[in-house]
Amino acid sequence: MNETLALAVIPSGAAALTASVLKLKKRLELSKAKHPSLRGHSRWARRVAAQVPFYEYDDATFFRSDDAPDPVAEQRRAGFMRLSALFEHRFAKTGR
């Protein structure tokens, strides 16, 4: 009776082992495919990010960041507002 049970269990065990090995192989390939800068611990990422200075611009500075004349800054602002309205309409469900 034990031989019959073993003959029934071995194929399912082999299938489970094969599936596990294939899943592990796929995961290792994905890990190896990542760019080296993406590896490592998330705490290191936070430490590095803390070293980058924070920048905040008001509207006037943002649209004239390259010392553009007033008409160009106004065109940029109008274009940005059109894009903002388009995205607000097109992606209304995801904005909330």
N, C-alpha and C. Protein backbone atom coordinates (compact mmCIF):
# COMPACT_ATOMS: atom_id res chain seq x y z
N MET A 1 0.82 -1.19 0.00
CA MET A 1 0.00 0.00 0.00
C MET A 1 0.86 1.25 0.00
N ASN A 2 1.97 1.25 0.69
CA ASN A 2 2.84 2.40 0.73
C ASN A 2 3.43 2.71 -0.65
N GLU A 3 3.69 1.68 -1.43
CA GLU A 3 4.22 1.89 -2.78
C GLU A 3 3.20 2.58 -3.66
N THR A 4 1.93 2.21 -3.52
CA THR A 4 0.86 2.82 -4.30
C THR A 4 0.73 4.29 -3.94
N LEU A 5 0.78 4.58 -2.66
CA LEU A 5 0.69 5.97 -2.20
C LEU A 5 1.89 6.77 -2.71
N ALA A 6 3.07 6.20 -2.65
CA ALA A 6 4.27 6.88 -3.12
C ALA A 6 4.19 7.15 -4.62
N LEU A 7 3.68 6.18 -5.38
CA LEU A 7 3.54 6.37 -6.82
C LEU A 7 2.51 7.46 -7.15
N ALA A 8 1.57 7.67 -6.27
CA ALA A 8 0.57 8.71 -6.49
C ALA A 8 1.08 10.08 -6.07
N VAL A 9 1.91 10.14 -5.04
CA VAL A 9 2.38 11.41 -4.50
C VAL A 9 3.59 11.95 -5.26
N ILE A 10 4.45 11.09 -5.73
CA ILE A 10 5.69 11.53 -6.39
C ILE A 10 5.43 12.45 -7.58
N PRO A 11 4.51 12.13 -8.50
CA PRO A 11 4.30 13.05 -9.63
C PRO A 11 3.80 14.44 -9.21
N SER A 12 2.92 14.49 -8.22
CA SER A 12 2.43 15.80 -7.78
C SER A 12 3.54 16.58 -7.07
N GLY A 13 4.37 15.88 -6.32
CA GLY A 13 5.51 16.54 -5.68
C GLY A 13 6.50 17.05 -6.69
N ALA A 14 6.74 16.26 -7.73
CA ALA A 14 7.66 16.69 -8.80
C ALA A 14 7.11 17.90 -9.53
N ALA A 15 5.80 17.91 -9.76
CA ALA A 15 5.19 19.05 -10.44
C ALA A 15 5.29 20.31 -9.58
N ALA A 16 5.06 20.16 -8.29
CA ALA A 16 5.16 21.31 -7.38
C ALA A 16 6.59 21.82 -7.32
N LEU A 17 7.55 20.92 -7.27
CA LEU A 17 8.95 21.31 -7.24
C LEU A 17 9.35 22.02 -8.53
N THR A 18 8.90 21.50 -9.66
CA THR A 18 9.20 22.13 -10.95
C THR A 18 8.61 23.53 -11.01
N ALA A 19 7.38 23.69 -10.57
CA ALA A 19 6.74 25.00 -10.57
C ALA A 19 7.49 25.97 -9.67
N SER A 20 7.93 25.50 -8.51
CA SER A 20 8.67 26.36 -7.59
C SER A 20 10.01 26.78 -8.18
N VAL A 21 10.69 25.85 -8.82
CA VAL A 21 11.99 26.16 -9.43
C VAL A 21 11.82 27.17 -10.56
N LEU A 22 10.78 26.98 -11.37
CA LEU A 22 10.54 27.92 -12.47
C LEU A 22 10.21 29.32 -11.94
N LYS A 23 9.42 29.37 -10.87
CA LYS A 23 9.08 30.67 -10.29
C LYS A 23 10.33 31.34 -9.71
N LEU A 24 11.17 30.58 -9.03
CA LEU A 24 12.40 31.11 -8.48
C LEU A 24 13.34 31.59 -9.59
N LYS A 25 13.42 30.82 -10.67
CA LYS A 25 14.27 31.20 -11.80
C LYS A 25 13.80 32.53 -12.40
N LYS A 26 12.50 32.67 -12.58
CA LYS A 26 11.95 33.91 -13.13
C LYS A 26 12.25 35.10 -12.22
N ARG A 27 12.11 34.88 -10.90
CA ARG A 27 12.37 35.96 -9.93
C ARG A 27 13.83 36.36 -9.95
N LEU A 28 14.73 35.39 -10.03
CA LEU A 28 16.16 35.70 -10.09
C LEU A 28 16.52 36.44 -11.37
N GLU A 29 15.91 36.05 -12.48
CA GLU A 29 16.17 36.76 -13.74
C GLU A 29 15.71 38.20 -13.65
N LEU A 30 14.56 38.43 -13.03
CA LEU A 30 14.07 39.79 -12.86
C LEU A 30 15.00 40.60 -11.97
N SER A 31 15.48 40.00 -10.90
CA SER A 31 16.40 40.71 -10.01
C SER A 31 17.70 41.06 -10.71
N LYS A 32 18.21 40.15 -11.51
CA LYS A 32 19.46 40.40 -12.22
C LYS A 32 19.28 41.45 -13.32
N ALA A 33 18.06 41.58 -13.85
CA ALA A 33 17.81 42.51 -14.94
C ALA A 33 17.69 43.95 -14.45
N LYS A 34 17.50 44.15 -13.16
CA LYS A 34 17.36 45.51 -12.63
C LYS A 34 18.68 46.26 -12.76
N HIS A 35 18.54 47.54 -12.97
CA HIS A 35 19.72 48.40 -13.01
C HIS A 35 20.36 48.40 -11.63
N PRO A 36 21.69 48.41 -11.56
CA PRO A 36 22.36 48.38 -10.26
C PRO A 36 21.92 49.50 -9.31
N SER A 37 21.51 50.63 -9.86
CA SER A 37 21.10 51.72 -8.98
C SER A 37 19.78 51.42 -8.27
N LEU A 38 19.02 50.44 -8.76
CA LEU A 38 17.75 50.11 -8.13
C LEU A 38 17.89 49.05 -7.05
N ARG A 39 19.05 48.46 -6.94
CA ARG A 39 19.28 47.45 -5.92
C ARG A 39 19.59 48.13 -4.59
N GLY A 40 19.50 47.38 -3.54
CA GLY A 40 19.85 47.95 -2.25
C GLY A 40 18.64 48.19 -1.38
N HIS A 41 18.88 48.77 -0.28
CA HIS A 41 17.86 48.94 0.72
C HIS A 41 17.17 50.29 0.57
N SER A 42 15.88 50.30 0.87
CA SER A 42 15.12 51.54 0.73
C SER A 42 15.59 52.62 1.71
N ARG A 43 16.17 52.21 2.81
CA ARG A 43 16.69 53.22 3.76
C ARG A 43 17.82 54.03 3.13
N TRP A 44 18.65 53.36 2.33
CA TRP A 44 19.71 54.09 1.64
C TRP A 44 19.12 55.11 0.68
N ALA A 45 18.05 54.75 0.01
CA ALA A 45 17.40 55.68 -0.90
C ALA A 45 16.91 56.91 -0.16
N ARG A 46 16.33 56.69 1.02
CA ARG A 46 15.87 57.84 1.81
C ARG A 46 17.02 58.70 2.29
N ARG A 47 18.12 58.06 2.66
CA ARG A 47 19.29 58.83 3.10
C ARG A 47 19.84 59.69 1.98
N VAL A 48 19.91 59.12 0.80
CA VAL A 48 20.42 59.89 -0.35
C VAL A 48 19.45 61.01 -0.70
N ALA A 49 18.16 60.70 -0.70
CA ALA A 49 17.16 61.71 -1.03
C ALA A 49 17.19 62.87 -0.04
N ALA A 50 17.53 62.58 1.20
CA ALA A 50 17.59 63.64 2.21
C ALA A 50 18.73 64.62 1.92
N GLN A 51 19.72 64.19 1.14
CA GLN A 51 20.84 65.07 0.82
C GLN A 51 20.54 66.02 -0.33
N VAL A 52 19.47 65.72 -1.11
CA VAL A 52 19.11 66.57 -2.25
C VAL A 52 18.31 67.75 -1.73
N PRO A 53 18.71 68.97 -2.09
CA PRO A 53 17.98 70.14 -1.58
C PRO A 53 16.56 70.22 -2.14
N PHE A 54 15.67 70.78 -1.36
CA PHE A 54 14.28 70.95 -1.75
C PHE A 54 14.12 72.28 -2.47
N TYR A 55 13.44 72.24 -3.59
CA TYR A 55 13.18 73.46 -4.35
C TYR A 55 11.69 73.68 -4.45
N GLU A 56 11.29 74.93 -4.30
CA GLU A 56 9.89 75.28 -4.44
C GLU A 56 9.82 76.60 -5.19
N TYR A 57 9.00 76.63 -6.24
CA TYR A 57 8.88 77.83 -7.07
C TYR A 57 7.45 78.33 -7.03
N ASP A 58 7.28 79.65 -6.99
CA ASP A 58 5.95 80.20 -7.16
C ASP A 58 5.68 80.27 -8.67
N ASP A 59 4.46 80.65 -9.05
CA ASP A 59 4.08 80.68 -10.47
C ASP A 59 5.00 81.55 -11.30
N ALA A 60 5.28 82.73 -10.82
CA ALA A 60 6.10 83.67 -11.60
C ALA A 60 7.50 83.11 -11.85
N THR A 61 8.08 82.52 -10.85
CA THR A 61 9.43 81.97 -10.99
C THR A 61 9.44 80.71 -11.85
N PHE A 62 8.43 79.88 -11.69
CA PHE A 62 8.38 78.62 -12.43
C PHE A 62 8.31 78.85 -13.93
N PHE A 63 7.40 79.70 -14.36
CA PHE A 63 7.21 79.93 -15.80
C PHE A 63 8.29 80.83 -16.40
N ARG A 64 9.10 81.47 -15.57
CA ARG A 64 10.19 82.32 -16.06
C ARG A 64 11.54 81.83 -15.55
N SER A 65 11.66 80.53 -15.36
CA SER A 65 12.88 79.99 -14.76
C SER A 65 14.12 80.21 -15.61
N ASP A 66 13.96 80.43 -16.90
CA ASP A 66 15.11 80.69 -17.77
C ASP A 66 15.15 82.16 -18.21
N ASP A 67 14.59 83.04 -17.39
CA ASP A 67 14.52 84.48 -17.66
C ASP A 67 13.80 84.79 -18.96
N ALA A 68 12.75 84.04 -19.23
CA ALA A 68 11.95 84.27 -20.44
C ALA A 68 11.19 85.58 -20.30
N PRO A 69 10.92 86.24 -21.42
CA PRO A 69 10.12 87.48 -21.36
C PRO A 69 8.67 87.18 -20.94
N ASP A 70 7.98 88.23 -20.53
CA ASP A 70 6.61 88.07 -20.04
C ASP A 70 5.68 87.37 -21.03
N PRO A 71 5.70 87.71 -22.33
CA PRO A 71 4.79 87.01 -23.26
C PRO A 71 5.04 85.50 -23.31
N VAL A 72 6.28 85.10 -23.25
CA VAL A 72 6.61 83.66 -23.29
C VAL A 72 6.14 82.99 -22.00
N ALA A 73 6.34 83.64 -20.87
CA ALA A 73 5.89 83.09 -19.59
C ALA A 73 4.37 82.94 -19.59
N GLU A 74 3.67 83.91 -20.17
CA GLU A 74 2.22 83.84 -20.24
C GLU A 74 1.77 82.70 -21.16
N GLN A 75 2.47 82.49 -22.27
CA GLN A 75 2.16 81.35 -23.14
C GLN A 75 2.37 80.03 -22.41
N ARG A 76 3.43 79.94 -21.68
CA ARG A 76 3.70 78.72 -20.91
C ARG A 76 2.60 78.47 -19.88
N ARG A 77 2.21 79.54 -19.19
CA ARG A 77 1.16 79.40 -18.18
C ARG A 77 -0.16 78.95 -18.84
N ALA A 78 -0.50 79.56 -19.96
CA ALA A 78 -1.74 79.20 -20.66
C ALA A 78 -1.69 77.74 -21.14
N GLY A 79 -0.56 77.33 -21.68
CA GLY A 79 -0.41 75.95 -22.13
C GLY A 79 -0.51 74.97 -20.98
N PHE A 80 0.09 75.32 -19.88
CA PHE A 80 0.04 74.45 -18.70
C PHE A 80 -1.39 74.35 -18.18
N MET A 81 -2.12 75.44 -18.17
CA MET A 81 -3.50 75.44 -17.70
C MET A 81 -4.38 74.61 -18.64
N ARG A 82 -4.15 74.71 -19.96
CA ARG A 82 -4.90 73.88 -20.92
C ARG A 82 -4.63 72.40 -20.65
N LEU A 83 -3.39 72.06 -20.46
CA LEU A 83 -3.03 70.68 -20.18
C LEU A 83 -3.65 70.21 -18.86
N SER A 84 -3.64 71.06 -17.87
CA SER A 84 -4.24 70.73 -16.58
C SER A 84 -5.73 70.48 -16.72
N ALA A 85 -6.42 71.33 -17.47
CA ALA A 85 -7.87 71.16 -17.68
C ALA A 85 -8.16 69.88 -18.47
N LEU A 86 -7.34 69.59 -19.47
CA LEU A 86 -7.51 68.37 -20.25
C LEU A 86 -7.35 67.14 -19.37
N PHE A 87 -6.32 67.11 -18.55
CA PHE A 87 -6.09 65.96 -17.68
C PHE A 87 -7.17 65.85 -16.61
N GLU A 88 -7.63 66.98 -16.10
CA GLU A 88 -8.70 66.96 -15.10
C GLU A 88 -9.97 66.36 -15.69
N HIS A 89 -10.24 66.66 -16.95
CA HIS A 89 -11.43 66.12 -17.62
C HIS A 89 -11.21 64.65 -18.00
N ARG A 90 -10.07 64.34 -18.60
CA ARG A 90 -9.81 63.00 -19.12
C ARG A 90 -9.61 61.97 -18.01
N PHE A 91 -8.99 62.38 -16.91
CA PHE A 91 -8.68 61.45 -15.83
C PHE A 91 -9.37 61.86 -14.53
N ALA A 92 -10.65 62.19 -14.64
CA ALA A 92 -11.40 62.71 -13.49
C ALA A 92 -11.46 61.71 -12.33
N LYS A 93 -11.59 60.43 -12.63
CA LYS A 93 -11.72 59.43 -11.57
C LYS A 93 -10.42 59.23 -10.80
N THR A 94 -9.29 59.35 -11.48
CA THR A 94 -8.01 59.10 -10.79
C THR A 94 -7.51 60.31 -10.05
N GLY A 95 -8.07 61.45 -10.25
CA GLY A 95 -7.61 62.67 -9.59
C GLY A 95 -8.07 62.80 -8.16
N ARG A 96 -8.92 61.92 -7.73
CA ARG A 96 -9.49 62.06 -6.39
C ARG A 96 -8.98 61.05 -5.47
